[in-house]
Amino acid sequence: MGEAVMTTRRQADGALVVDVRGSLDAATVGALRETLIGTVQRERPVTLIVDLTYVTFMDSQGIGTLVSGYNVAREVGTRFVLRNPSEFVHRQLRVTGLTEMFGLPPEPSPTQTYTP
């Protein structure tokens, strides 16, 4: 089981950004779920960005948590954006058929810098 660190910040344009670092698995998805759903319900931002640049591992529970966050955001009219998914995360979303739902290209951008 891995570790994950999540921080939330507001961008100049008002969007809320949840920066996630580490692994999204059984040990860490509870905290991410609370952060995503709590932020959407409390703040009701126009846009919630989940930055996945430094996510090194994600299992089915991590995927399920992102889908839950997306669904709750959609229910209240918040735009839910995944930003900079690592190559591993992008592959997981592609294999599960979720890239389109999250508005991601079918393949990672060749100019994207991924950090394992």
C-alpha atoms as a PDB file:
ATOM      1  CA  MET A   1       0.000   0.000   0.000  1.00  0.00           C
ATOM      2  CA  GLY A   2       1.280   3.401  -0.946  1.00  0.00           C
ATOM      3  CA  GLU A   3       1.256   6.918   0.304  1.00  0.00           C
ATOM      4  CA  ALA A   4      -0.366   9.972  -1.218  1.00  0.00           C
ATOM      5  CA  VAL A   5      -0.186  13.656  -0.427  1.00  0.00           C
ATOM      6  CA  MET A   6      -2.992  15.981  -1.478  1.00  0.00           C
ATOM      7  CA  THR A   7      -2.996  19.747  -1.356  1.00  0.00           C
ATOM      8  CA  THR A   8      -5.707  22.133  -2.472  1.00  0.00           C
ATOM      9  CA  ARG A   9      -5.102  25.623  -3.829  1.00  0.00           C
ATOM     10  CA  ARG A  10      -7.006  28.274  -5.744  1.00  0.00           C
ATOM     11  CA  GLN A  11      -5.736  29.508  -9.117  1.00  0.00           C
ATOM     12  CA  ALA A  12      -5.916  33.162 -10.128  1.00  0.00           C
ATOM     13  CA  ASP A  13      -8.916  32.334 -12.355  1.00  0.00           C
ATOM     14  CA  GLY A  14     -10.821  30.955  -9.345  1.00  0.00           C
ATOM     15  CA  ALA A  15     -10.497  27.268 -10.215  1.00  0.00           C
ATOM     16  CA  LEU A  16      -9.662  24.980  -7.326  1.00  0.00           C
ATOM     17  CA  VAL A  17      -6.736  22.633  -7.886  1.00  0.00           C
ATOM     18  CA  VAL A  18      -6.179  19.413  -5.975  1.00  0.00           C
ATOM     19  CA  ASP A  19      -2.553  18.382  -6.425  1.00  0.00           C
ATOM     20  CA  VAL A  20      -2.084  14.654  -5.849  1.00  0.00           C
ATOM     21  CA  ARG A  21       1.309  12.989  -5.330  1.00  0.00           C
ATOM     22  CA  GLY A  22       2.083   9.328  -4.752  1.00  0.00           C
ATOM     23  CA  SER A  23      -0.093   6.231  -5.076  1.00  0.00           C
ATOM     24  CA  LEU A  24      -3.860   6.015  -5.324  1.00  0.00           C
ATOM     25  CA  ASP A  25      -4.816   2.682  -3.819  1.00  0.00           C
ATOM     26  CA  ALA A  26      -6.836   1.218  -0.938  1.00  0.00           C
ATOM     27  CA  ALA A  27      -4.694   3.022   1.636  1.00  0.00           C
ATOM     28  CA  THR A  28      -5.078   6.488   0.120  1.00  0.00           C
ATOM     29  CA  VAL A  29      -8.327   6.767  -1.850  1.00  0.00           C
ATOM     30  CA  GLY A  30     -10.424   7.577   1.214  1.00  0.00           C
ATOM     31  CA  ALA A  31      -8.531  10.811   1.733  1.00  0.00           C
ATOM     32  CA  LEU A  32      -8.795  11.696  -1.959  1.00  0.00           C
ATOM     33  CA  ARG A  33     -12.539  10.934  -1.979  1.00  0.00           C
ATOM     34  CA  GLU A  34     -13.052  13.190   1.059  1.00  0.00           C
ATOM     35  CA  THR A  35     -10.981  15.947  -0.533  1.00  0.00           C
ATOM     36  CA  LEU A  36     -12.758  15.840  -3.902  1.00  0.00           C
ATOM     37  CA  ILE A  37     -16.313  15.468  -2.650  1.00  0.00           C
ATOM     38  CA  GLY A  38     -15.832  17.780   0.328  1.00  0.00           C
ATOM     39  CA  THR A  39     -14.301  20.505  -1.829  1.00  0.00           C
ATOM     40  CA  VAL A  40     -17.090  20.310  -4.398  1.00  0.00           C
ATOM     41  CA  GLN A  41     -19.852  20.329  -1.772  1.00  0.00           C
ATOM     42  CA  ARG A  42     -18.339  23.105   0.388  1.00  0.00           C
ATOM     43  CA  GLU A  43     -16.841  25.393  -2.208  1.00  0.00           C
ATOM     44  CA  ARG A  44     -19.001  24.692  -5.292  1.00  0.00           C
ATOM     45  CA  PRO A  45     -16.220  25.878  -7.601  1.00  0.00           C
ATOM     46  CA  VAL A  46     -16.907  26.537 -11.265  1.00  0.00           C
ATOM     47  CA  THR A  47     -13.932  24.278 -12.053  1.00  0.00           C
ATOM     48  CA  LEU A  48     -12.157  21.613 -10.011  1.00  0.00           C
ATOM     49  CA  ILE A  49      -8.807  20.522 -11.430  1.00  0.00           C
ATOM     50  CA  VAL A  50      -7.186  17.317 -10.209  1.00  0.00           C
ATOM     51  CA  ASP A  51      -3.476  17.477 -11.039  1.00  0.00           C
ATOM     52  CA  LEU A  52      -2.095  13.957 -11.426  1.00  0.00           C
ATOM     53  CA  THR A  53       1.403  14.816 -12.643  1.00  0.00           C
ATOM     54  CA  TYR A  54       3.094  13.076  -9.726  1.00  0.00           C
ATOM     55  CA  VAL A  55       0.789  10.097  -9.278  1.00  0.00           C
ATOM     56  CA  THR A  56       3.029   7.056  -9.614  1.00  0.00           C
ATOM     57  CA  PHE A  57       0.423   4.311  -9.232  1.00  0.00           C
ATOM     58  CA  MET A  58      -3.352   4.032  -9.443  1.00  0.00           C
ATOM     59  CA  ASP A  59      -5.490   0.923  -9.057  1.00  0.00           C
ATOM     60  CA  SER A  60      -9.200   0.364  -9.647  1.00  0.00           C
ATOM     61  CA  GLN A  61     -10.068   2.054  -6.363  1.00  0.00           C
ATOM     62  CA  GLY A  62      -8.225   5.182  -7.479  1.00  0.00           C
ATOM     63  CA  ILE A  63     -10.101   5.130 -10.774  1.00  0.00           C
ATOM     64  CA  GLY A  64     -13.387   4.685  -8.910  1.00  0.00           C
ATOM     65  CA  THR A  65     -12.592   7.657  -6.699  1.00  0.00           C
ATOM     66  CA  LEU A  66     -11.931   9.895  -9.705  1.00  0.00           C
ATOM     67  CA  VAL A  67     -15.235   8.751 -11.240  1.00  0.00           C
ATOM     68  CA  SER A  68     -17.039   9.514  -7.953  1.00  0.00           C
ATOM     69  CA  GLY A  69     -15.498  12.977  -7.857  1.00  0.00           C
ATOM     70  CA  TYR A  70     -16.493  13.560 -11.481  1.00  0.00           C
ATOM     71  CA  ASN A  71     -20.086  12.480 -10.790  1.00  0.00           C
ATOM     72  CA  VAL A  72     -20.495  14.654  -7.693  1.00  0.00           C
ATOM     73  CA  ALA A  73     -18.999  17.637  -9.524  1.00  0.00           C
ATOM     74  CA  ARG A  74     -21.347  17.129 -12.450  1.00  0.00           C
ATOM     75  CA  GLU A  75     -24.357  16.976 -10.108  1.00  0.00           C
ATOM     76  CA  VAL A  76     -23.629  20.478  -8.768  1.00  0.00           C
ATOM     77  CA  GLY A  77     -22.520  21.994 -12.076  1.00  0.00           C
ATOM     78  CA  THR A  78     -18.776  21.995 -11.403  1.00  0.00           C
ATOM     79  CA  ARG A  79     -16.437  21.297 -14.315  1.00  0.00           C
ATOM     80  CA  PHE A  80     -14.125  18.406 -13.343  1.00  0.00           C
ATOM     81  CA  VAL A  81     -10.736  18.359 -15.071  1.00  0.00           C
ATOM     82  CA  LEU A  82      -7.874  15.883 -14.854  1.00  0.00           C
ATOM     83  CA  ARG A  83      -4.598  17.664 -15.520  1.00  0.00           C
ATOM     84  CA  ASN A  84      -1.287  16.103 -16.543  1.00  0.00           C
ATOM     85  CA  PRO A  85      -2.013  12.457 -15.835  1.00  0.00           C
ATOM     86  CA  SER A  86       1.236  10.538 -15.667  1.00  0.00           C
ATOM     87  CA  GLU A  87       1.786   8.040 -18.461  1.00  0.00           C
ATOM     88  CA  PHE A  88       0.824   5.216 -16.095  1.00  0.00           C
ATOM     89  CA  VAL A  89      -2.407   6.943 -15.028  1.00  0.00           C
ATOM     90  CA  HIS A  90      -3.291   7.814 -18.623  1.00  0.00           C
ATOM     91  CA  ARG A  91      -2.812   4.173 -19.588  1.00  0.00           C
ATOM     92  CA  GLN A  92      -5.103   3.022 -16.747  1.00  0.00           C
ATOM     93  CA  LEU A  93      -7.816   5.444 -17.852  1.00  0.00           C
ATOM     94  CA  ARG A  94      -7.406   4.415 -21.489  1.00  0.00           C
ATOM     95  CA  VAL A  95      -7.654   0.692 -20.671  1.00  0.00           C
ATOM     96  CA  THR A  96     -10.840   1.273 -18.672  1.00  0.00           C
ATOM     97  CA  GLY A  97     -12.351   3.415 -21.456  1.00  0.00           C
ATOM     98  CA  LEU A  98     -12.515   6.580 -19.331  1.00  0.00           C
ATOM     99  CA  THR A  99     -10.256   8.962 -21.240  1.00  0.00           C
ATOM    100  CA  GLU A 100     -13.174  10.373 -23.220  1.00  0.00           C
ATOM    101  CA  MET A 101     -15.343  10.859 -20.134  1.00  0.00           C
ATOM    102  CA  PHE A 102     -12.546  12.870 -18.514  1.00  0.00           C
ATOM    103  CA  GLY A 103     -11.896  14.829 -21.713  1.00  0.00           C
ATOM    104  CA  LEU A 104      -8.417  13.371 -22.205  1.00  0.00           C
ATOM    105  CA  PRO A 105      -6.915  12.528 -25.588  1.00  0.00           C
ATOM    106  CA  PRO A 106      -6.857   8.800 -26.417  1.00  0.00           C
ATOM    107  CA  GLU A 107      -3.046   8.849 -26.262  1.00  0.00           C
ATOM    108  CA  PRO A 108      -0.754  10.911 -24.006  1.00  0.00           C
ATOM    109  CA  SER A 109       0.575  14.049 -25.637  1.00  0.00           C
ATOM    110  CA  PRO A 110       4.127  13.549 -27.000  1.00  0.00           C
ATOM    111  CA  THR A 111       5.060  16.970 -25.582  1.00  0.00           C
ATOM    112  CA  GLN A 112       3.773  16.056 -22.123  1.00  0.00           C
ATOM    113  CA  THR A 113       6.468  15.509 -19.543  1.00  0.00           C
ATOM    114  CA  TYR A 114       5.704  12.517 -17.357  1.00  0.00           C
ATOM    115  CA  THR A 115       7.359  11.821 -14.071  1.00  0.00           C
ATOM    116  CA  PRO A 116       7.258   8.170 -12.967  1.00  0.00           C
END
